[in-house]
Amino acid sequence: MQTASRVPPRSLPPDRESTARGSGPEELLALAEVGRELTAGSGTRSALERALEVTHRRLGASHCALYVTDPEHRRLEVRAAFGFAPGQLRPRYGLGVAGRVAETGRPIVVPLVRQEPMALAELADSGSWSQASLGLVCVPVSLAGRPGGALATYFPTHGADWASLLRVLEVVASLMSQALYAASPERQAATKAAAPSPEPASATPFEYANMIGASAAMRPIYEQIGQVARTNATALIRGESGTGKELVAHAIHHNSPRARHPFVKVNCAAVPETLFESELFGHERGAFTGAHARKKGRFELAEGGTLFLDEIGDLSLTTQAKLLRVLQFREFERLGGTLTLRPDVRIIAATNKDMERAVASGTFREDLYYRLNVFAITMPPLRERRADIPALAEYFLGKYSSEHRRRIARISSAALDILCQYAWPGNVRELENVVERAVVLCDGSVLKEHHLPDTVRVAAAAKPPERQTLAQAVADLERRMIEDALRTARGNAARAARALGTTERIVRYKAGKYGIDTNRFRR
């Protein structure tokens, strides 16, 4: 790790996955608690300060500061701080570590503050830091898809894993970005200006905390969201029901330059085929019986924003042909009309179907599939990201304790063990329902195992029909480790081998032995 003064602001090694593997429980609980504080406080100063206090308590930070930019006057202001005395910070836009991060939108890691003049420049009493053994992790905070500030966090240097801390703090900064945007004047202006629609920009702001997860399976998802959000590329989100595909669509929209415009959702499985064309493209007065007035379609309502086509795999072939024309030529006419409309709309689609099989069987058009599959994101099922279950359960516990006016402080270890052992065929949606039911049943300060549904407790307690032999247990562990390494390396066998401390030949041999398809881990 190099100091910020000798490298570009992004001071991580290229192979970040090999530097920091996995996430401890405190990191997961920190993300859950930060999300809970921010969603409860709606981006207020007190909520932001409580979130910074969580980083101190859960992650061991000694000092924290959240800076926001005033782009019109090129100023950097302290929005919230922890561990600093009043007047101790003197941020300047474009100067110092926080100033450069806020200007460039790229993180900086300083392993030892006292040896970095750029880090000392933003401290009013830098002399008191000359003997301190503290390092600094500073990550950007975005606002509606543009740099909006910086989160500066100081840690004791002894035993610090800078790559792991950077990864966690980037997620914390994303949570704060959503809270700041929800409370910003431009968000309020967008709320008033947005036209009524099934899910307009005036709806409840997207809660990034619902996407809690720092497991190996989720880290690539966050990176892919960041990559595609900055573009206008069509995205296809795949995964089982209940994995959070709609949340990914929200994340892409609200972290893109289109965030100020509407996010309009269409459930393709719920709209009858006879009404789909009218629903999507609108109709003119008199176009059919009952069309008493002109109606705008979802494409028009989403002008400048994002149109989310959920359950796209359930469209009929006839409807697919009509949709293909719009995606190909970016124009359409209202039903019964002659005026050609050319909407400026970004398309995000989602499905739980096996699209390749649907194309092969002829139930889904191959040309439409290729139009949609520009940038694919595959959401992992909850059973493949069990490390995220405690943090998700804690988040849902806080959410529904507040909603149902219960004073439940925590989940017992026995109950968490049951939740982590269950297979979760309904994924995160099922976990949320289970936790809400348990909150309703709980009459004390601790949610215990007997508050969980019988189906979850019985399935989690079920024993395998035969005890595993030592060889079977070793093979099972080896298979899971190889799968986790390939998932982190996105199917790259060479990088997975380096992470496991072995050779690429052995990884490929073992993958073939256990029937692991490396291609399914690729983006």
Protein backbone atom coordinates (compact mmCIF):
# COMPACT_ATOMS: atom_id res chain seq x y z
CA MET A 1 0.00 0.00 0.00
CA GLN A 2 1.44 3.34 -0.96
CA THR A 3 0.76 6.74 0.49
CA ALA A 4 -1.53 9.07 -1.34
CA SER A 5 1.20 11.54 -2.23
CA ARG A 6 3.06 9.07 -4.42
CA VAL A 7 0.20 7.48 -6.34
CA PRO A 8 -3.00 8.54 -8.05
CA PRO A 9 -5.93 8.89 -5.64
CA ARG A 10 -7.00 5.27 -6.16
CA SER A 11 -4.37 3.67 -3.90
CA LEU A 12 -5.42 0.02 -4.00
CA PRO A 13 -3.51 -2.80 -5.66
CA PRO A 14 -5.11 -4.02 -8.92
CA ASP A 15 -6.06 -7.39 -7.46
CA ARG A 16 -8.11 -6.12 -4.56
CA GLU A 17 -9.83 -9.44 -3.91
CA SER A 18 -6.56 -11.14 -3.01
CA THR A 19 -5.71 -8.40 -0.51
CA ALA A 20 -8.87 -8.65 1.57
CA ARG A 21 -10.82 -11.85 1.67
CA GLY A 22 -14.25 -12.10 3.26
CA SER A 23 -15.88 -9.80 5.82
CA GLY A 24 -16.05 -10.14 9.57
CA PRO A 25 -19.33 -10.09 11.46
CA GLU A 26 -18.60 -6.62 12.86
CA GLU A 27 -18.37 -5.23 9.31
CA LEU A 28 -21.73 -6.75 8.41
CA LEU A 29 -23.35 -5.49 11.61
CA ALA A 30 -21.82 -2.06 11.01
CA LEU A 31 -23.44 -1.83 7.57
CA ALA A 32 -26.78 -2.96 8.96
CA GLU A 33 -26.65 -0.44 11.82
CA VAL A 34 -25.51 2.44 9.60
CA GLY A 35 -28.38 1.72 7.22
CA ARG A 36 -30.85 1.62 10.09
CA GLU A 37 -29.67 4.97 11.49
CA LEU A 38 -29.78 6.69 8.11
CA THR A 39 -33.19 5.41 7.03
CA ALA A 40 -34.63 6.34 10.44
CA GLY A 41 -33.16 9.84 10.34
CA SER A 42 -33.78 10.70 6.67
CA GLY A 43 -30.35 12.24 6.17
CA THR A 44 -30.49 14.71 9.09
CA ARG A 45 -27.31 15.85 10.80
CA SER A 46 -28.10 13.83 13.93
CA ALA A 47 -28.68 10.66 11.87
CA LEU A 48 -25.38 11.17 10.05
CA GLU A 49 -23.55 11.70 13.34
CA ARG A 50 -25.08 8.51 14.76
CA ALA A 51 -23.93 6.67 11.63
CA LEU A 52 -20.38 7.98 12.16
CA GLU A 53 -20.52 6.84 15.78
CA VAL A 54 -21.35 3.33 14.51
CA THR A 55 -18.10 3.29 12.50
CA HIS A 56 -16.26 4.11 15.73
CA ARG A 57 -18.03 1.43 17.76
CA ARG A 58 -18.18 -1.33 15.16
CA LEU A 59 -15.10 -0.70 13.00
CA GLY A 60 -12.73 0.90 15.51
CA ALA A 61 -12.46 4.34 13.89
CA SER A 62 -10.99 7.01 16.17
CA HIS A 63 -12.22 10.06 14.16
CA CYS A 64 -14.74 10.48 11.33
CA ALA A 65 -15.89 13.40 9.21
CA LEU A 66 -18.46 13.69 6.46
CA TYR A 67 -17.84 16.55 4.02
CA VAL A 68 -20.28 17.85 1.39
CA THR A 69 -19.46 20.08 -1.55
CA ASP A 70 -20.96 23.37 -2.59
CA PRO A 71 -20.19 23.08 -6.34
CA GLU A 72 -21.42 26.58 -7.16
CA HIS A 73 -18.84 28.20 -4.86
CA ARG A 74 -16.33 25.29 -4.94
CA ARG A 75 -16.42 24.93 -1.17
CA LEU A 76 -16.14 21.89 1.08
CA GLU A 77 -18.17 21.95 4.29
CA VAL A 78 -18.31 19.65 7.32
CA ARG A 79 -21.81 18.11 7.47
CA ALA A 80 -21.18 15.74 10.42
CA ALA A 81 -18.17 14.68 12.52
CA PHE A 82 -17.19 12.32 15.32
CA GLY A 83 -14.13 12.69 17.58
CA PHE A 84 -13.22 16.18 16.37
CA ALA A 85 -13.48 19.37 18.39
CA PRO A 86 -15.30 22.38 16.85
CA GLY A 87 -13.03 24.19 14.44
CA GLN A 88 -10.49 21.39 14.32
CA LEU A 89 -11.17 20.72 10.63
CA ARG A 90 -10.43 23.14 7.80
CA PRO A 91 -11.41 21.42 4.55
CA ARG A 92 -10.69 23.06 1.20
CA TYR A 93 -12.17 21.99 -2.10
CA GLY A 94 -9.54 20.39 -4.34
CA LEU A 95 -6.85 20.53 -1.63
CA GLY A 96 -5.92 18.03 1.04
CA VAL A 97 -7.08 14.42 1.02
CA ALA A 98 -10.80 15.12 1.50
CA GLY A 99 -10.71 18.01 -0.97
CA ARG A 100 -9.14 15.88 -3.69
CA VAL A 101 -11.51 12.96 -3.08
CA ALA A 102 -14.53 15.28 -3.23
CA GLU A 103 -13.26 16.83 -6.47
CA THR A 104 -12.16 13.66 -8.30
CA GLY A 105 -14.62 11.11 -6.93
CA ARG A 106 -11.77 8.63 -6.29
CA PRO A 107 -10.76 7.19 -2.87
CA ILE A 108 -7.43 7.77 -1.14
CA VAL A 109 -5.76 5.65 1.56
CA VAL A 110 -3.04 7.17 3.76
CA PRO A 111 -1.45 4.45 5.95
CA LEU A 112 0.23 7.01 8.26
CA VAL A 113 -1.21 10.53 8.50
CA ARG A 114 1.77 12.14 10.21
CA GLN A 115 3.97 11.33 7.21
CA GLU A 116 1.58 12.77 4.63
CA PRO A 117 1.49 16.59 4.34
CA MET A 118 -1.63 16.46 2.21
CA ALA A 119 -3.51 14.74 5.06
CA LEU A 120 -2.18 17.13 7.72
CA ALA A 121 -3.17 20.18 5.63
CA GLU A 122 -6.87 19.83 6.46
CA LEU A 123 -6.31 19.65 10.25
CA ALA A 124 -6.32 23.01 12.04
CA ASP A 125 -4.03 21.73 14.83
CA SER A 126 -1.90 19.35 12.78
CA GLY A 127 0.89 19.55 15.37
CA SER A 128 -1.09 17.39 17.77
CA TRP A 129 -1.17 14.67 15.12
CA SER A 130 2.59 14.59 14.61
CA GLN A 131 3.02 11.70 17.08
CA ALA A 132 -0.29 9.92 16.44
CA SER A 133 -0.15 6.49 14.80
CA LEU A 134 -3.28 6.94 12.73
CA GLY A 135 -4.08 6.15 9.13
CA LEU A 136 -6.79 7.66 6.94
CA VAL A 137 -9.31 6.11 4.56
CA CYS A 138 -11.17 8.73 2.52
CA VAL A 139 -13.93 7.66 0.08
CA PRO A 140 -16.13 9.77 -2.20
CA VAL A 141 -19.78 10.53 -1.55
CA SER A 142 -21.92 10.99 -4.64
CA LEU A 143 -25.09 12.99 -5.13
CA ALA A 144 -27.39 12.16 -8.06
CA GLY A 145 -24.56 10.49 -9.95
CA ARG A 146 -21.93 13.24 -9.45
CA PRO A 147 -19.25 13.82 -6.77
CA GLY A 148 -20.94 15.36 -3.76
CA GLY A 149 -18.47 15.10 -0.91
CA ALA A 150 -16.16 12.78 0.98
CA LEU A 151 -16.17 10.50 4.02
CA ALA A 152 -12.86 10.67 5.92
CA THR A 153 -12.26 8.00 8.57
CA TYR A 154 -9.15 7.67 10.77
CA PHE A 155 -7.98 4.33 12.24
CA PRO A 156 -5.09 3.19 14.43
CA THR A 157 -2.42 1.83 12.10
CA HIS A 158 -1.63 -1.26 14.17
CA GLY A 159 -3.17 -4.31 12.52
CA ALA A 160 -5.28 -2.27 10.08
CA ASP A 161 -6.43 -4.04 6.90
CA TRP A 162 -6.72 -1.00 4.64
CA ALA A 163 -8.22 -2.85 1.67
CA SER A 164 -10.94 -4.41 3.82
CA LEU A 165 -11.71 -1.07 5.53
CA LEU A 166 -11.86 0.70 2.18
CA ARG A 167 -14.34 -1.85 0.84
CA VAL A 168 -16.65 -1.47 3.84
CA LEU A 169 -16.43 2.33 3.91
CA GLU A 170 -17.31 2.55 0.21
CA VAL A 171 -20.61 0.85 1.07
CA VAL A 172 -21.08 3.16 4.08
CA ALA A 173 -20.49 6.16 1.79
CA SER A 174 -23.12 4.80 -0.61
CA LEU A 175 -25.63 4.63 2.22
CA MET A 176 -24.84 8.21 3.17
CA SER A 177 -25.11 9.31 -0.46
CA GLN A 178 -28.69 8.08 -0.60
CA ALA A 179 -29.55 9.75 2.72
CA LEU A 180 -28.04 13.07 1.59
CA TYR A 181 -29.83 12.96 -1.74
CA ALA A 182 -33.16 12.17 -0.06
CA ALA A 183 -32.81 15.34 2.03
CA SER A 184 -31.37 17.57 -0.72
CA PRO A 185 -33.28 20.51 -2.28
CA GLU A 186 -32.87 19.02 -5.77
CA ARG A 187 -34.59 15.85 -4.58
CA GLN A 188 -37.47 17.94 -3.23
CA ALA A 189 -37.67 19.86 -6.52
CA ALA A 190 -37.69 16.61 -8.48
CA THR A 191 -40.46 15.33 -6.23
CA LYS A 192 -42.69 18.31 -7.02
CA ALA A 193 -41.94 18.29 -10.74
CA ALA A 194 -42.38 14.56 -11.34
CA ALA A 195 -45.53 13.54 -13.19
CA PRO A 196 -47.80 10.92 -11.58
CA SER A 197 -46.78 7.40 -12.56
CA PRO A 198 -46.82 3.90 -11.11
CA GLU A 199 -43.51 4.65 -9.38
CA PRO A 200 -42.44 8.24 -10.03
CA ALA A 201 -39.48 10.14 -8.68
CA SER A 202 -41.77 11.42 -5.90
CA ALA A 203 -42.08 7.95 -4.39
CA THR A 204 -40.23 6.92 -1.24
CA PRO A 205 -36.48 7.30 -1.86
CA PHE A 206 -34.60 4.12 -2.62
CA GLU A 207 -33.18 2.57 0.55
CA TYR A 208 -29.72 1.30 -0.29
CA ALA A 209 -29.67 -0.36 3.13
CA ASN A 210 -32.02 -3.02 1.77
CA MET A 211 -29.06 -4.24 -0.29
CA ILE A 212 -27.02 -5.09 2.77
CA GLY A 213 -24.28 -7.58 2.03
CA ALA A 214 -20.51 -7.65 2.04
CA SER A 215 -20.05 -11.33 1.23
CA ALA A 216 -17.89 -12.55 -1.63
CA ALA A 217 -21.04 -13.10 -3.68
CA MET A 218 -22.26 -9.50 -3.27
CA ARG A 219 -19.05 -7.52 -3.77
CA PRO A 220 -19.08 -8.02 -7.57
CA ILE A 221 -22.74 -6.92 -7.62
CA TYR A 222 -21.90 -3.53 -6.09
CA GLU A 223 -19.02 -3.08 -8.51
CA GLN A 224 -21.21 -3.92 -11.50
CA ILE A 225 -23.91 -1.50 -10.32
CA GLY A 226 -21.31 1.25 -10.11
CA GLN A 227 -19.98 0.43 -13.58
CA VAL A 228 -23.31 0.39 -15.41
CA ALA A 229 -24.94 3.25 -13.46
CA ARG A 230 -22.61 5.80 -15.03
CA THR A 231 -23.70 4.79 -18.53
CA ASN A 232 -26.95 4.59 -20.51
CA ALA A 233 -26.46 0.90 -21.32
CA THR A 234 -29.46 -1.44 -21.16
CA ALA A 235 -29.15 -3.78 -18.17
CA LEU A 236 -30.61 -7.24 -17.64
CA ILE A 237 -30.90 -8.35 -14.00
CA ARG A 238 -31.20 -12.08 -13.50
CA GLY A 239 -31.81 -14.22 -10.45
CA GLU A 240 -34.33 -16.22 -8.49
CA SER A 241 -37.49 -14.64 -7.09
CA GLY A 242 -36.86 -12.67 -3.92
CA THR A 243 -33.16 -12.04 -4.47
CA GLY A 244 -33.56 -8.26 -4.83
CA LYS A 245 -33.55 -7.66 -8.59
CA GLU A 246 -35.80 -4.62 -8.25
CA LEU A 247 -33.46 -3.14 -5.63
CA VAL A 248 -30.59 -3.44 -8.10
CA ALA A 249 -32.67 -1.60 -10.71
CA HIS A 250 -33.36 1.16 -8.16
CA ALA A 251 -29.65 1.34 -7.29
CA ILE A 252 -28.65 1.71 -10.94
CA HIS A 253 -31.21 4.49 -11.51
CA HIS A 254 -30.58 6.45 -8.29
CA ASN A 255 -26.80 6.37 -8.76
CA SER A 256 -26.99 7.48 -12.39
CA PRO A 257 -27.27 10.92 -14.03
CA ARG A 258 -30.96 10.09 -14.54
CA ALA A 259 -31.65 10.03 -10.79
CA ARG A 260 -33.62 13.31 -10.92
CA HIS A 261 -36.07 11.86 -13.44
CA PRO A 262 -38.82 9.24 -12.98
CA PHE A 263 -38.27 5.56 -12.31
CA VAL A 264 -41.26 3.78 -13.88
CA LYS A 265 -41.90 0.11 -13.29
CA VAL A 266 -43.91 -2.32 -15.44
CA ASN A 267 -44.69 -5.84 -14.24
CA CYS A 268 -44.81 -7.66 -17.56
CA ALA A 269 -46.43 -10.73 -15.99
CA ALA A 270 -49.34 -8.74 -14.54
CA VAL A 271 -50.39 -6.73 -17.63
CA PRO A 272 -52.78 -8.60 -19.98
CA GLU A 273 -51.45 -9.04 -23.51
CA THR A 274 -54.41 -7.12 -25.00
CA LEU A 275 -53.61 -4.07 -22.85
CA PHE A 276 -49.83 -4.24 -22.92
CA GLU A 277 -49.37 -2.06 -26.02
CA SER A 278 -51.65 0.63 -24.62
CA GLU A 279 -49.95 0.42 -21.21
CA LEU A 280 -46.47 0.73 -22.66
CA PHE A 281 -47.01 3.19 -25.54
CA GLY A 282 -50.26 4.92 -24.58
CA HIS A 283 -53.30 5.55 -26.81
CA GLU A 284 -55.23 8.32 -28.48
CA ARG A 285 -58.84 9.17 -27.77
CA GLY A 286 -61.14 6.77 -29.61
CA ALA A 287 -58.38 4.24 -30.36
CA PHE A 288 -60.63 1.48 -28.98
CA THR A 289 -63.83 1.08 -27.02
CA GLY A 290 -63.44 2.81 -23.68
CA ALA A 291 -60.60 5.09 -24.79
CA HIS A 292 -62.34 8.33 -23.84
CA ALA A 293 -59.17 10.43 -23.61
CA ARG A 294 -55.55 10.40 -24.63
CA LYS A 295 -53.36 8.41 -22.28
CA LYS A 296 -49.58 8.56 -21.97
CA GLY A 297 -47.79 5.22 -21.90
CA ARG A 298 -45.04 4.15 -19.54
CA PHE A 299 -42.37 5.13 -22.05
CA GLU A 300 -43.59 8.73 -22.04
CA LEU A 301 -43.97 8.80 -18.25
CA ALA A 302 -40.36 7.68 -17.88
CA GLU A 303 -39.02 10.46 -20.16
CA GLY A 304 -35.46 11.29 -19.13
CA GLY A 305 -35.46 8.52 -16.54
CA THR A 306 -35.57 4.75 -16.37
CA LEU A 307 -38.17 2.19 -17.44
CA PHE A 308 -37.94 -1.03 -15.45
CA LEU A 309 -39.47 -4.06 -17.19
CA ASP A 310 -39.92 -6.66 -14.47
CA GLU A 311 -40.54 -10.34 -15.34
CA ILE A 312 -39.57 -9.68 -18.96
CA GLY A 313 -39.37 -13.42 -19.59
CA ASP A 314 -43.16 -13.75 -19.31
CA LEU A 315 -43.94 -11.60 -22.37
CA SER A 316 -45.75 -13.26 -25.27
CA LEU A 317 -44.03 -13.49 -28.65
CA THR A 318 -46.42 -10.92 -30.13
CA THR A 319 -45.63 -8.39 -27.44
CA GLN A 320 -41.92 -9.14 -27.72
CA ALA A 321 -41.98 -8.11 -31.40
CA LYS A 322 -43.56 -4.73 -30.52
CA LEU A 323 -41.06 -4.10 -27.75
CA LEU A 324 -38.14 -5.05 -30.01
CA ARG A 325 -39.03 -2.33 -32.51
CA VAL A 326 -38.92 0.34 -29.80
CA LEU A 327 -35.59 -0.88 -28.44
CA GLN A 328 -34.11 -1.07 -31.93
CA PHE A 329 -35.28 2.23 -33.41
CA ARG A 330 -36.01 4.16 -30.19
CA GLU A 331 -39.35 5.38 -31.50
CA PHE A 332 -43.02 4.43 -31.31
CA GLU A 333 -46.55 5.71 -31.94
CA ARG A 334 -49.41 5.77 -29.47
CA LEU A 335 -52.13 3.23 -30.14
CA GLY A 336 -54.48 4.83 -32.67
CA GLY A 337 -52.07 7.70 -33.36
CA THR A 338 -49.74 8.71 -36.18
CA LEU A 339 -47.29 10.98 -34.34
CA THR A 340 -43.89 9.31 -33.94
CA LEU A 341 -42.44 9.78 -30.45
CA ARG A 342 -38.74 9.35 -29.65
CA PRO A 343 -38.34 8.93 -25.89
CA ASP A 344 -35.11 9.42 -23.98
CA VAL A 345 -35.45 6.42 -21.66
CA ARG A 346 -33.02 3.95 -20.18
CA ILE A 347 -34.22 0.33 -20.16
CA ILE A 348 -33.59 -2.07 -17.27
CA ALA A 349 -35.16 -5.53 -17.44
CA ALA A 350 -35.34 -8.35 -14.91
CA THR A 351 -36.30 -11.99 -15.04
CA ASN A 352 -36.11 -15.19 -13.04
CA LYS A 353 -36.29 -17.33 -16.19
CA ASP A 354 -33.49 -19.28 -17.85
CA MET A 355 -33.31 -17.00 -20.89
CA GLU A 356 -30.92 -19.19 -22.86
CA ARG A 357 -33.31 -22.12 -22.51
CA ALA A 358 -36.26 -19.90 -23.45
CA VAL A 359 -34.44 -18.74 -26.58
CA ALA A 360 -33.54 -22.32 -27.49
CA SER A 361 -37.15 -23.47 -27.04
CA GLY A 362 -38.51 -20.58 -29.12
CA THR A 363 -40.55 -18.95 -26.33
CA PHE A 364 -38.33 -15.84 -26.28
CA ARG A 365 -37.00 -14.00 -29.34
CA GLU A 366 -33.27 -14.29 -29.76
CA ASP A 367 -32.92 -10.78 -31.22
CA LEU A 368 -34.80 -9.24 -28.27
CA TYR A 369 -32.66 -11.20 -25.82
CA TYR A 370 -29.48 -9.74 -27.32
CA ARG A 371 -30.99 -6.23 -27.20
CA LEU A 372 -31.68 -6.64 -23.48
CA ASN A 373 -28.55 -8.55 -22.50
CA VAL A 374 -26.11 -5.66 -23.01
CA PHE A 375 -24.95 -5.64 -19.37
CA ALA A 376 -26.09 -8.62 -17.29
CA ILE A 377 -26.11 -8.72 -13.49
CA THR A 378 -26.91 -12.05 -11.83
CA MET A 379 -28.15 -11.83 -8.25
CA PRO A 380 -26.94 -14.73 -6.10
CA PRO A 381 -29.55 -16.67 -4.08
CA LEU A 382 -29.45 -16.18 -0.32
CA ARG A 383 -28.16 -19.72 0.23
CA GLU A 384 -24.96 -18.68 -1.60
CA ARG A 385 -24.44 -15.60 0.59
CA ARG A 386 -25.12 -16.95 4.08
CA ALA A 387 -22.56 -14.56 5.56
CA ASP A 388 -25.04 -11.74 4.84
CA ILE A 389 -27.93 -13.34 6.75
CA PRO A 390 -27.03 -11.90 10.21
CA ALA A 391 -26.76 -8.35 8.84
CA LEU A 392 -29.98 -8.68 6.83
CA ALA A 393 -31.82 -10.11 9.83
CA GLU A 394 -30.57 -7.26 12.05
CA TYR A 395 -31.73 -4.71 9.49
CA PHE A 396 -35.20 -6.23 9.17
CA LEU A 397 -35.40 -6.52 12.96
CA GLY A 398 -34.81 -2.80 13.34
CA LYS A 399 -37.18 -1.94 10.51
CA TYR A 400 -40.14 -3.95 11.77
CA SER A 401 -39.50 -3.27 15.47
CA SER A 402 -40.00 0.40 14.66
CA GLU A 403 -42.95 -0.24 12.34
CA HIS A 404 -44.80 -2.46 14.83
CA ARG A 405 -43.73 -0.44 17.90
CA ARG A 406 -41.77 -3.20 19.58
CA ARG A 407 -38.69 -2.77 21.77
CA ILE A 408 -36.57 -5.67 20.55
CA ALA A 409 -32.86 -5.11 21.06
CA ARG A 410 -31.35 -8.11 19.29
CA ILE A 411 -31.69 -11.60 17.87
CA SER A 412 -30.44 -14.47 20.02
CA SER A 413 -27.47 -16.52 18.84
CA ALA A 414 -29.61 -19.67 18.64
CA ALA A 415 -32.15 -17.91 16.41
CA LEU A 416 -29.38 -16.55 14.17
CA ASP A 417 -27.92 -20.05 13.87
CA ILE A 418 -31.29 -21.34 12.67
CA LEU A 419 -31.62 -18.51 10.15
CA CYS A 420 -28.13 -19.21 8.81
CA GLN A 421 -28.78 -22.96 8.45
CA TYR A 422 -32.11 -22.68 6.60
CA ALA A 423 -32.04 -23.06 2.78
CA TRP A 424 -34.24 -19.98 2.02
CA PRO A 425 -36.03 -21.04 -1.18
CA GLY A 426 -37.78 -17.64 -1.12
CA ASN A 427 -34.46 -15.80 -0.66
CA VAL A 428 -34.31 -12.32 0.95
CA ARG A 429 -38.06 -11.79 0.55
CA GLU A 430 -38.74 -14.92 2.61
CA LEU A 431 -36.19 -13.86 5.25
CA GLU A 432 -37.90 -10.48 5.55
CA ASN A 433 -41.31 -12.11 6.02
CA VAL A 434 -39.93 -14.53 8.63
CA VAL A 435 -38.31 -11.74 10.64
CA GLU A 436 -41.45 -9.57 10.49
CA ARG A 437 -43.58 -12.48 11.73
CA ALA A 438 -41.12 -13.13 14.55
CA VAL A 439 -41.18 -9.44 15.56
CA VAL A 440 -44.97 -9.56 15.80
CA LEU A 441 -44.81 -12.68 18.01
CA CYS A 442 -41.92 -11.50 20.20
CA ASP A 443 -43.03 -10.05 23.54
CA GLY A 444 -39.60 -9.44 25.06
CA SER A 445 -36.39 -7.60 24.28
CA VAL A 446 -34.73 -10.55 22.53
CA LEU A 447 -36.05 -12.39 19.48
CA LYS A 448 -35.55 -16.10 20.19
CA GLU A 449 -35.74 -19.33 18.22
CA HIS A 450 -39.30 -20.21 19.30
CA HIS A 451 -40.50 -17.01 17.62
CA LEU A 452 -39.44 -18.38 14.23
CA PRO A 453 -41.90 -20.40 12.09
CA ASP A 454 -41.96 -24.18 12.58
CA THR A 455 -41.07 -24.72 8.92
CA VAL A 456 -37.82 -22.79 9.33
CA ARG A 457 -36.87 -24.43 12.64
CA VAL A 458 -37.64 -27.97 11.48
CA ALA A 459 -35.86 -27.59 8.13
CA ALA A 460 -32.79 -26.02 9.76
CA ALA A 461 -32.64 -28.76 12.41
CA ALA A 462 -33.02 -31.61 9.90
CA LYS A 463 -30.04 -33.98 9.93
CA PRO A 464 -28.51 -35.49 6.79
CA PRO A 465 -29.54 -39.13 6.26
CA GLU A 466 -25.97 -40.36 6.77
CA ARG A 467 -23.05 -38.95 8.71
CA GLN A 468 -20.36 -37.59 6.41
CA THR A 469 -17.08 -39.36 6.29
CA LEU A 470 -13.86 -37.39 6.70
CA ALA A 471 -13.24 -37.60 2.95
CA GLN A 472 -16.76 -36.32 2.19
CA ALA A 473 -16.41 -33.43 4.63
CA VAL A 474 -13.04 -32.44 3.18
CA ALA A 475 -14.40 -32.64 -0.38
CA ASP A 476 -17.40 -30.51 0.57
CA LEU A 477 -15.17 -27.85 2.15
CA GLU A 478 -12.84 -27.91 -0.85
CA ARG A 479 -15.73 -27.49 -3.27
CA ARG A 480 -17.18 -24.54 -1.35
CA MET A 481 -13.79 -22.81 -1.09
CA ILE A 482 -13.18 -23.19 -4.83
CA GLU A 483 -16.68 -21.88 -5.64
CA ASP A 484 -16.19 -18.88 -3.34
CA ALA A 485 -12.79 -18.07 -4.86
CA LEU A 486 -14.15 -18.36 -8.42
CA ARG A 487 -17.12 -16.17 -7.52
CA THR A 488 -14.81 -13.50 -6.08
CA ALA A 489 -12.55 -13.74 -9.15
CA ARG A 490 -15.58 -13.68 -11.50
CA GLY A 491 -14.68 -17.04 -13.02
CA ASN A 492 -10.99 -16.22 -13.53
CA ALA A 493 -9.25 -19.49 -12.56
CA ALA A 494 -5.80 -17.87 -12.33
CA ARG A 495 -6.95 -15.22 -9.84
CA ALA A 496 -8.90 -17.83 -7.88
CA ALA A 497 -5.76 -19.97 -7.69
CA ARG A 498 -3.72 -17.05 -6.31
CA ALA A 499 -6.37 -16.38 -3.67
CA LEU A 500 -6.33 -20.05 -2.64
CA GLY A 501 -2.55 -20.30 -2.69
CA THR A 502 -2.46 -23.01 -5.33
CA THR A 503 -2.02 -23.35 -9.10
CA GLU A 504 -4.46 -22.66 -11.90
CA ARG A 505 -4.11 -26.25 -13.11
CA ILE A 506 -5.26 -27.61 -9.75
CA VAL A 507 -8.21 -25.21 -9.59
CA ARG A 508 -9.36 -26.25 -13.06
CA TYR A 509 -8.89 -29.93 -12.22
CA LYS A 510 -10.87 -29.64 -8.98
CA ALA A 511 -13.60 -27.59 -10.68
CA GLY A 512 -14.03 -30.36 -13.24
CA LYS A 513 -13.97 -32.99 -10.51
CA TYR A 514 -16.79 -31.31 -8.56
CA GLY A 515 -18.76 -30.27 -11.65
CA ILE A 516 -18.24 -26.54 -11.10
CA ASP A 517 -18.98 -24.49 -14.24
CA THR A 518 -16.59 -21.52 -14.10
CA ASN A 519 -18.56 -19.68 -16.81
CA ARG A 520 -21.52 -19.12 -14.49
CA PHE A 521 -19.37 -16.88 -12.30
CA ARG A 522 -18.45 -14.60 -15.18
CA ARG A 523 -20.22 -11.25 -15.55
